[in-house]
Structure formats: C-alpha cells, structure tokens
Amino acid sequence: VLFVVFGLLNSLFEGKVVAKLPFKPFGLIMKMSHRGLQGNDPTDCSMAFLYFLCSISIRTNLQKFLGFAPPRGASVGLFPMPDPKTS
C-alpha cells in the first residue's frame, strides 16, 4: 500500500516544491530533499523527502496505537539475546 501511495503522490507532485525547509540541509540530505526539483534553492523540499519524513515519524506511533508494535521489553534486533531461563 505504501508503494502505491508513494507512486501516486510522486506522479502528482513531480517537479513541484511541496515545502520549504527552515534550514539549509547538508550533503546527502540536500540531495534527498531536492530530488527531482529544478532550481538551486537548497531549502526547497520535494514530495519524496517529505513523504519519507512523515512515514518514519508517523509509522511507529501508528503501530503503537494499533497494537502492531512489539512489547517494550522485546528484542527487535537481528540477533536477540538468548533467554537464560530456557537453557
């Protein structure tokens, strides 16, 4: 679903400035925030960067609200610590 929404929004806002950043981003961040835009204003923000920022900030809160997030004590790494009580 996220890929379909991203594709739809990307086609609707292609080449358009959707936001102005309150700071001048550096290096790699500027390349991401200015992706697909004409001009040289570093504070212009593309839809892709804004979508990325919103998705990472909203996703965790939405997962917690809907109950999809793992419990607080659960290990979320690739190699969780073994439980010493089971050995």
PDB file of N, CA and C in Angstrom:
ATOM      1  N   VAL A   1       0.832  -1.189   0.000  1.00  0.00           N
ATOM      2  CA  VAL A   1       0.000   0.000   0.000  1.00  0.00           C
ATOM      3  C   VAL A   1       0.881   1.259   0.000  1.00  0.00           C
ATOM      4  N   LEU A   2       1.957   1.232   0.792  1.00  0.00           N
ATOM      5  CA  LEU A   2       2.820   2.404   0.847  1.00  0.00           C
ATOM      6  C   LEU A   2       3.481   2.698  -0.496  1.00  0.00           C
ATOM      7  N   PHE A   3       3.836   1.658  -1.239  1.00  0.00           N
ATOM      8  CA  PHE A   3       4.459   1.869  -2.545  1.00  0.00           C
ATOM      9  C   PHE A   3       3.467   2.456  -3.535  1.00  0.00           C
ATOM     10  N   VAL A   4       2.226   2.022  -3.492  1.00  0.00           N
ATOM     11  CA  VAL A   4       1.200   2.553  -4.390  1.00  0.00           C
ATOM     12  C   VAL A   4       0.934   4.021  -4.077  1.00  0.00           C
ATOM     13  N   VAL A   5       0.805   4.347  -2.800  1.00  0.00           N
ATOM     14  CA  VAL A   5       0.572   5.742  -2.398  1.00  0.00           C
ATOM     15  C   VAL A   5       1.767   6.603  -2.783  1.00  0.00           C
ATOM     16  N   PHE A   6       2.987   6.096  -2.573  1.00  0.00           N
ATOM     17  CA  PHE A   6       4.175   6.849  -2.942  1.00  0.00           C
ATOM     18  C   PHE A   6       4.208   7.099  -4.445  1.00  0.00           C
ATOM     19  N   GLY A   7       3.913   6.101  -5.244  1.00  0.00           N
ATOM     20  CA  GLY A   7       3.901   6.256  -6.697  1.00  0.00           C
ATOM     21  C   GLY A   7       2.864   7.258  -7.158  1.00  0.00           C
ATOM     22  N   LEU A   8       1.680   7.219  -6.564  1.00  0.00           N
ATOM     23  CA  LEU A   8       0.622   8.157  -6.924  1.00  0.00           C
ATOM     24  C   LEU A   8       1.019   9.593  -6.571  1.00  0.00           C
ATOM     25  N   LEU A   9       1.503   9.789  -5.344  1.00  0.00           N
ATOM     26  CA  LEU A   9       1.905  11.127  -4.925  1.00  0.00           C
ATOM     27  C   LEU A   9       3.099  11.626  -5.727  1.00  0.00           C
ATOM     28  N   ASN A  10       4.013  10.741  -6.055  1.00  0.00           N
ATOM     29  CA  ASN A  10       5.181  11.129  -6.829  1.00  0.00           C
ATOM     30  C   ASN A  10       4.779  11.610  -8.222  1.00  0.00           C
ATOM     31  N   SER A  11       3.810  10.957  -8.825  1.00  0.00           N
ATOM     32  CA  SER A  11       3.367  11.395 -10.150  1.00  0.00           C
ATOM     33  C   SER A  11       2.570  12.702 -10.077  1.00  0.00           C
ATOM     34  N   LEU A  12       1.830  12.919  -8.995  1.00  0.00           N
ATOM     35  CA  LEU A  12       1.059  14.155  -8.857  1.00  0.00           C
ATOM     36  C   LEU A  12       1.937  15.371  -8.574  1.00  0.00           C
ATOM     37  N   PHE A  13       2.994  15.189  -7.786  1.00  0.00           N
ATOM     38  CA  PHE A  13       3.830  16.306  -7.364  1.00  0.00           C
ATOM     39  C   PHE A  13       5.217  16.290  -7.990  1.00  0.00           C
ATOM     40  N   GLU A  14       5.357  15.657  -9.136  1.00  0.00           N
ATOM     41  CA  GLU A  14       6.663  15.552  -9.787  1.00  0.00           C
ATOM     42  C   GLU A  14       7.161  16.931 -10.217  1.00  0.00           C
ATOM     43  N   GLY A  15       8.350  17.299  -9.734  1.00  0.00           N
ATOM     44  CA  GLY A  15       8.960  18.565 -10.107  1.00  0.00           C
ATOM     45  C   GLY A  15       8.410  19.780  -9.389  1.00  0.00           C
ATOM     46  N   LYS A  16       7.526  19.596  -8.411  1.00  0.00           N
ATOM     47  CA  LYS A  16       6.924  20.715  -7.691  1.00  0.00           C
ATOM     48  C   LYS A  16       7.496  20.803  -6.278  1.00  0.00           C
ATOM     49  N   VAL A  17       7.700  22.023  -5.819  1.00  0.00           N
ATOM     50  CA  VAL A  17       8.149  22.244  -4.447  1.00  0.00           C
ATOM     51  C   VAL A  17       6.937  22.112  -3.536  1.00  0.00           C
ATOM     52  N   VAL A  18       6.997  21.207  -2.568  1.00  0.00           N
ATOM     53  CA  VAL A  18       5.859  20.988  -1.674  1.00  0.00           C
ATOM     54  C   VAL A  18       6.068  21.598  -0.298  1.00  0.00           C
ATOM     55  N   ALA A  19       7.312  21.965   0.039  1.00  0.00           N
ATOM     56  CA  ALA A  19       7.587  22.564   1.347  1.00  0.00           C
ATOM     57  C   ALA A  19       8.887  23.347   1.276  1.00  0.00           C
ATOM     58  N   LYS A  20       9.045  24.246   2.232  1.00  0.00           N
ATOM     59  CA  LYS A  20      10.302  24.986   2.404  1.00  0.00           C
ATOM     60  C   LYS A  20      10.904  24.545   3.730  1.00  0.00           C
ATOM     61  N   LEU A  21      12.137  24.107   3.697  1.00  0.00           N
ATOM     62  CA  LEU A  21      12.812  23.682   4.911  1.00  0.00           C
ATOM     63  C   LEU A  21      13.288  24.903   5.697  1.00  0.00           C
ATOM     64  N   PRO A  22      13.224  24.864   7.016  1.00  0.00           N
ATOM     65  CA  PRO A  22      13.662  26.007   7.823  1.00  0.00           C
ATOM     66  C   PRO A  22      15.185  26.055   8.003  1.00  0.00           C
ATOM     67  N   PHE A  23      15.915  25.207   7.319  1.00  0.00           N
ATOM     68  CA  PHE A  23      17.367  25.151   7.424  1.00  0.00           C
ATOM     69  C   PHE A  23      17.939  24.763   6.079  1.00  0.00           C
ATOM     70  N   LYS A  24      19.213  24.989   5.907  1.00  0.00           N
ATOM     71  CA  LYS A  24      19.898  24.567   4.679  1.00  0.00           C
ATOM     72  C   LYS A  24      20.506  23.199   4.939  1.00  0.00           C
ATOM     73  N   PRO A  25      19.963  22.151   4.303  1.00  0.00           N
ATOM     74  CA  PRO A  25      20.493  20.804   4.547  1.00  0.00           C
ATOM     75  C   PRO A  25      21.912  20.656   3.986  1.00  0.00           C
ATOM     76  N   PHE A  26      22.617  19.641   4.446  1.00  0.00           N
ATOM     77  CA  PHE A  26      23.984  19.408   4.023  1.00  0.00           C
ATOM     78  C   PHE A  26      24.081  18.148   3.194  1.00  0.00           C
ATOM     79  N   GLY A  27      25.031  18.087   2.307  1.00  0.00           N
ATOM     80  CA  GLY A  27      25.424  16.926   1.521  1.00  0.00           C
ATOM     81  C   GLY A  27      24.337  15.986   1.059  1.00  0.00           C
ATOM     82  N   LEU A  28      24.355  14.801   1.625  1.00  0.00           N
ATOM     83  CA  LEU A  28      23.429  13.738   1.222  1.00  0.00           C
ATOM     84  C   LEU A  28      21.977  14.116   1.495  1.00  0.00           C
ATOM     85  N   ILE A  29      21.734  14.800   2.596  1.00  0.00           N
ATOM     86  CA  ILE A  29      20.365  15.213   2.926  1.00  0.00           C
ATOM     87  C   ILE A  29      19.839  16.183   1.873  1.00  0.00           C
ATOM     88  N   MET A  30      20.701  17.091   1.385  1.00  0.00           N
ATOM     89  CA  MET A  30      20.265  18.040   0.365  1.00  0.00           C
ATOM     90  C   MET A  30      19.931  17.319  -0.940  1.00  0.00           C
ATOM     91  N   LYS A  31      20.686  16.304  -1.277  1.00  0.00           N
ATOM     92  CA  LYS A  31      20.386  15.536  -2.491  1.00  0.00           C
ATOM     93  C   LYS A  31      19.036  14.841  -2.361  1.00  0.00           C
ATOM     94  N   MET A  32      18.742  14.329  -1.171  1.00  0.00           N
ATOM     95  CA  MET A  32      17.450  13.660  -0.958  1.00  0.00           C
ATOM     96  C   MET A  32      16.302  14.664  -0.939  1.00  0.00           C
ATOM     97  N   SER A  33      16.483  15.793  -0.293  1.00  0.00           N
ATOM     98  CA  SER A  33      15.393  16.762  -0.158  1.00  0.00           C
ATOM     99  C   SER A  33      15.124  17.506  -1.452  1.00  0.00           C
ATOM    100  N   HIS A  34      16.109  17.610  -2.336  1.00  0.00           N
ATOM    101  CA  HIS A  34      15.962  18.376  -3.577  1.00  0.00           C
ATOM    102  C   HIS A  34      15.791  17.471  -4.788  1.00  0.00           C
ATOM    103  N   ARG A  35      15.549  16.194  -4.563  1.00  0.00           N
ATOM    104  CA  ARG A  35      15.451  15.200  -5.637  1.00  0.00           C
ATOM    105  C   ARG A  35      14.299  15.519  -6.589  1.00  0.00           C
ATOM    106  N   GLY A  36      14.603  15.669  -7.867  1.00  0.00           N
ATOM    107  CA  GLY A  36      13.586  15.882  -8.887  1.00  0.00           C
ATOM    108  C   GLY A  36      13.111  17.316  -9.027  1.00  0.00           C
ATOM    109  N   LEU A  37      13.734  18.254  -8.334  1.00  0.00           N
ATOM    110  CA  LEU A  37      13.314  19.655  -8.396  1.00  0.00           C
ATOM    111  C   LEU A  37      14.276  20.466  -9.252  1.00  0.00           C
ATOM    112  N   GLN A  38      13.734  21.467  -9.954  1.00  0.00           N
ATOM    113  CA  GLN A  38      14.549  22.397 -10.728  1.00  0.00           C
ATOM    114  C   GLN A  38      14.959  23.544  -9.822  1.00  0.00           C
ATOM    115  N   GLY A  39      16.033  24.224 -10.154  1.00  0.00           N
ATOM    116  CA  GLY A  39      16.478  25.371  -9.380  1.00  0.00           C
ATOM    117  C   GLY A  39      17.569  25.012  -8.404  1.00  0.00           C
ATOM    118  N   ASN A  40      18.070  26.041  -7.728  1.00  0.00           N
ATOM    119  CA  ASN A  40      19.206  25.847  -6.832  1.00  0.00           C
ATOM    120  C   ASN A  40      18.916  26.227  -5.392  1.00  0.00           C
ATOM    121  N   ASP A  41      17.672  26.481  -5.031  1.00  0.00           N
ATOM    122  CA  ASP A  41      17.347  26.855  -3.658  1.00  0.00           C
ATOM    123  C   ASP A  41      17.428  25.615  -2.772  1.00  0.00           C
ATOM    124  N   PRO A  42      18.393  25.554  -1.844  1.00  0.00           N
ATOM    125  CA  PRO A  42      18.555  24.340  -1.025  1.00  0.00           C
ATOM    126  C   PRO A  42      17.433  24.137  -0.003  1.00  0.00           C
ATOM    127  N   THR A  43      16.621  25.154   0.234  1.00  0.00           N
ATOM    128  CA  THR A  43      15.540  24.989   1.209  1.00  0.00           C
ATOM    129  C   THR A  43      14.273  24.419   0.574  1.00  0.00           C
ATOM    130  N   ASP A  44      14.256  24.224  -0.747  1.00  0.00           N
ATOM    131  CA  ASP A  44      13.106  23.580  -1.393  1.00  0.00           C
ATOM    132  C   ASP A  44      13.062  22.113  -1.013  1.00  0.00           C
ATOM    133  N   CYS A  45      11.864  21.597  -0.838  1.00  0.00           N
ATOM    134  CA  CYS A  45      11.694  20.210  -0.410  1.00  0.00           C
ATOM    135  C   CYS A  45      10.781  19.482  -1.391  1.00  0.00           C
ATOM    136  N   SER A  46      11.208  18.325  -1.841  1.00  0.00           N
ATOM    137  CA  SER A  46      10.401  17.534  -2.767  1.00  0.00           C
ATOM    138  C   SER A  46       9.408  16.656  -2.012  1.00  0.00           C
ATOM    139  N   MET A  47       8.458  16.116  -2.727  1.00  0.00           N
ATOM    140  CA  MET A  47       7.447  15.254  -2.129  1.00  0.00           C
ATOM    141  C   MET A  47       8.075  13.998  -1.541  1.00  0.00           C
ATOM    142  N   ALA A  48       9.080  13.447  -2.194  1.00  0.00           N
ATOM    143  CA  ALA A  48       9.696  12.206  -1.730  1.00  0.00           C
ATOM    144  C   ALA A  48      10.318  12.383  -0.350  1.00  0.00           C
ATOM    145  N   PHE A  49      11.007  13.493  -0.121  1.00  0.00           N
ATOM    146  CA  PHE A  49      11.644  13.732   1.171  1.00  0.00           C
ATOM    147  C   PHE A  49      10.596  13.965   2.253  1.00  0.00           C
ATOM    148  N   LEU A  50       9.582  14.731   1.941  1.00  0.00           N
ATOM    149  CA  LEU A  50       8.512  14.987   2.906  1.00  0.00           C
ATOM    150  C   LEU A  50       7.769  13.692   3.247  1.00  0.00           C
ATOM    151  N   TYR A  51       7.517  12.862   2.257  1.00  0.00           N
ATOM    152  CA  TYR A  51       6.870  11.563   2.476  1.00  0.00           C
ATOM    153  C   TYR A  51       7.728  10.684   3.382  1.00  0.00           C
ATOM    154  N   PHE A  52       9.034  10.688   3.143  1.00  0.00           N
ATOM    155  CA  PHE A  52       9.965   9.912   3.963  1.00  0.00           C
ATOM    156  C   PHE A  52       9.935  10.376   5.414  1.00  0.00           C
ATOM    157  N   LEU A  53      10.008  11.689   5.628  1.00  0.00           N
ATOM    158  CA  LEU A  53       9.981  12.219   6.990  1.00  0.00           C
ATOM    159  C   LEU A  53       8.675  11.877   7.700  1.00  0.00           C
ATOM    160  N   CYS A  54       7.570  12.023   7.000  1.00  0.00           N
ATOM    161  CA  CYS A  54       6.275  11.717   7.603  1.00  0.00           C
ATOM    162  C   CYS A  54       6.135  10.227   7.900  1.00  0.00           C
ATOM    163  N   SER A  55       6.602   9.392   6.993  1.00  0.00           N
ATOM    164  CA  SER A  55       6.435   7.951   7.207  1.00  0.00           C
ATOM    165  C   SER A  55       7.240   7.456   8.390  1.00  0.00           C
ATOM    166  N   ILE A  56       8.455   7.964   8.577  1.00  0.00           N
ATOM    167  CA  ILE A  56       9.239   7.475   9.712  1.00  0.00           C
ATOM    168  C   ILE A  56       8.754   8.052  11.033  1.00  0.00           C
ATOM    169  N   SER A  57       8.136   9.218  10.990  1.00  0.00           N
ATOM    170  CA  SER A  57       7.664   9.798  12.248  1.00  0.00           C
ATOM    171  C   SER A  57       6.283   9.284  12.637  1.00  0.00           C
ATOM    172  N   ILE A  58       5.471   8.960  11.673  1.00  0.00           N
ATOM    173  CA  ILE A  58       4.104   8.518  11.963  1.00  0.00           C
ATOM    174  C   ILE A  58       4.018   7.010  12.156  1.00  0.00           C
ATOM    175  N   ARG A  59       4.868   6.257  11.468  1.00  0.00           N
ATOM    176  CA  ARG A  59       4.758   4.794  11.469  1.00  0.00           C
ATOM    177  C   ARG A  59       4.835   4.195  12.870  1.00  0.00           C
ATOM    178  N   THR A  60       5.809   4.605  13.678  1.00  0.00           N
ATOM    179  CA  THR A  60       5.954   3.998  14.997  1.00  0.00           C
ATOM    180  C   THR A  60       4.786   4.342  15.908  1.00  0.00           C
ATOM    181  N   ASN A  61       4.330   5.588  15.845  1.00  0.00           N
ATOM    182  CA  ASN A  61       3.178   5.961  16.673  1.00  0.00           C
ATOM    183  C   ASN A  61       1.917   5.225  16.231  1.00  0.00           C
ATOM    184  N   LEU A  62       1.746   5.061  14.934  1.00  0.00           N
ATOM    185  CA  LEU A  62       0.580   4.342  14.422  1.00  0.00           C
ATOM    186  C   LEU A  62       0.653   2.864  14.813  1.00  0.00           C
ATOM    187  N   GLN A  63       1.835   2.265  14.766  1.00  0.00           N
ATOM    188  CA  GLN A  63       1.986   0.869  15.166  1.00  0.00           C
ATOM    189  C   GLN A  63       1.657   0.684  16.639  1.00  0.00           C
ATOM    190  N   LYS A  64       2.099   1.604  17.475  1.00  0.00           N
ATOM    191  CA  LYS A  64       1.783   1.516  18.895  1.00  0.00           C
ATOM    192  C   LYS A  64       0.295   1.676  19.131  1.00  0.00           C
ATOM    193  N   PHE A  65      -0.319   2.625  18.442  1.00  0.00           N
ATOM    194  CA  PHE A  65      -1.745   2.888  18.619  1.00  0.00           C
ATOM    195  C   PHE A  65      -2.597   1.701  18.173  1.00  0.00           C
ATOM    196  N   LEU A  66      -2.220   1.065  17.065  1.00  0.00           N
ATOM    197  CA  LEU A  66      -2.999  -0.056  16.544  1.00  0.00           C
ATOM    198  C   LEU A  66      -2.604  -1.393  17.164  1.00  0.00           C
ATOM    199  N   GLY A  67      -1.553  -1.401  17.965  1.00  0.00           N
ATOM    200  CA  GLY A  67      -1.159  -2.628  18.647  1.00  0.00           C
ATOM    201  C   GLY A  67      -0.277  -3.546  17.836  1.00  0.00           C
ATOM    202  N   PHE A  68       0.370  -3.045  16.780  1.00  0.00           N
ATOM    203  CA  PHE A  68       1.244  -3.874  15.962  1.00  0.00           C
ATOM    204  C   PHE A  68       2.694  -3.833  16.411  1.00  0.00           C
ATOM    205  N   ALA A  69       3.037  -2.938  17.309  1.00  0.00           N
ATOM    206  CA  ALA A  69       4.415  -2.803  17.767  1.00  0.00           C
ATOM    207  C   ALA A  69       4.741  -3.919  18.760  1.00  0.00           C
ATOM    208  N   PRO A  70       5.982  -4.364  18.768  1.00  0.00           N
ATOM    209  CA  PRO A  70       6.370  -5.386  19.752  1.00  0.00           C
ATOM    210  C   PRO A  70       6.352  -4.792  21.154  1.00  0.00           C
ATOM    211  N   PRO A  71       6.221  -5.625  22.171  1.00  0.00           N
ATOM    212  CA  PRO A  71       6.255  -5.110  23.544  1.00  0.00           C
ATOM    213  C   PRO A  71       7.577  -4.408  23.837  1.00  0.00           C
ATOM    214  N   ARG A  72       7.563  -3.529  24.828  1.00  0.00           N
ATOM    215  CA  ARG A  72       8.753  -2.722  25.142  1.00  0.00           C
ATOM    216  C   ARG A  72       9.969  -3.574  25.463  1.00  0.00           C
ATOM    217  N   GLY A  73       9.806  -4.659  26.151  1.00  0.00           N
ATOM    218  CA  GLY A  73      10.932  -5.483  26.549  1.00  0.00           C
ATOM    219  C   GLY A  73      11.418  -6.436  25.475  1.00  0.00           C
ATOM    220  N   ALA A  74      10.714  -6.537  24.384  1.00  0.00           N
ATOM    221  CA  ALA A  74      11.084  -7.477  23.331  1.00  0.00           C
ATOM    222  C   ALA A  74      12.302  -6.973  22.567  1.00  0.00           C
ATOM    223  N   SER A  75      13.168  -7.888  22.193  1.00  0.00           N
ATOM    224  CA  SER A  75      14.346  -7.547  21.405  1.00  0.00           C
ATOM    225  C   SER A  75      13.939  -7.441  19.945  1.00  0.00           C
ATOM    226  N   VAL A  76      14.354  -6.380  19.281  1.00  0.00           N
ATOM    227  CA  VAL A  76      13.965  -6.185  17.895  1.00  0.00           C
ATOM    228  C   VAL A  76      15.142  -6.322  16.944  1.00  0.00           C
ATOM    229  N   GLY A  77      16.314  -6.693  17.426  1.00  0.00           N
ATOM    230  CA  GLY A  77      17.495  -6.826  16.584  1.00  0.00           C
ATOM    231  C   GLY A  77      17.473  -8.122  15.784  1.00  0.00           C
ATOM    232  N   LEU A  78      18.435  -8.245  14.899  1.00  0.00           N
ATOM    233  CA  LEU A  78      18.549  -9.460  14.100  1.00  0.00           C
ATOM    234  C   LEU A  78      19.003 -10.645  14.949  1.00  0.00           C
ATOM    235  N   PHE A  79      19.813 -10.376  15.961  1.00  0.00           N
ATOM    236  CA  PHE A  79      20.333 -11.421  16.813  1.00  0.00           C
ATOM    237  C   PHE A  79      19.931 -11.130  18.256  1.00  0.00           C
ATOM    238  N   PRO A  80      18.733 -11.536  18.654  1.00  0.00           N
ATOM    239  CA  PRO A  80      18.284 -11.232  20.010  1.00  0.00           C
ATOM    240  C   PRO A  80      19.095 -12.021  21.041  1.00  0.00           C
ATOM    241  N   MET A  81      19.144 -11.474  22.230  1.00  0.00           N
ATOM    242  CA  MET A  81      19.844 -12.138  23.327  1.00  0.00           C
ATOM    243  C   MET A  81      19.079 -13.401  23.717  1.00  0.00           C
ATOM    244  N   PRO A  82      19.787 -14.530  23.902  1.00  0.00           N
ATOM    245  CA  PRO A  82      19.096 -15.758  24.290  1.00  0.00           C
ATOM    246  C   PRO A  82      18.550 -15.647  25.723  1.00  0.00           C
ATOM    247  N   ASP A  83      17.458 -16.299  25.946  1.00  0.00           N
ATOM    248  CA  ASP A  83      16.841 -16.299  27.257  1.00  0.00           C
ATOM    249  C   ASP A  83      17.586 -17.304  28.145  1.00  0.00           C
ATOM    250  N   PRO A  84      18.215 -16.875  29.245  1.00  0.00           N
ATOM    251  CA  PRO A  84      18.996 -17.815  30.064  1.00  0.00           C
ATOM    252  C   PRO A  84      18.117 -18.814  30.802  1.00  0.00           C
ATOM    253  N   LYS A  85      16.840 -18.564  30.952  1.00  0.00           N
ATOM    254  CA  LYS A  85      15.958 -19.480  31.678  1.00  0.00           C
ATOM    255  C   LYS A  85      15.639 -20.727  30.859  1.00  0.00           C
ATOM    256  N   THR A  86      15.746 -20.668  29.545  1.00  0.00           N
ATOM    257  CA  THR A  86      15.394 -21.810  28.711  1.00  0.00           C
ATOM    258  C   THR A  86      16.558 -22.765  28.508  1.00  0.00           C
ATOM    259  N   SER A  87      17.789 -22.386  28.843  1.00  0.00           N
ATOM    260  CA  SER A  87      18.933 -23.290  28.605  1.00  0.00           C
ATOM    261  C   SER A  87      19.129 -24.258  29.715  1.00  0.00           C
TER     262      SER A  87
END
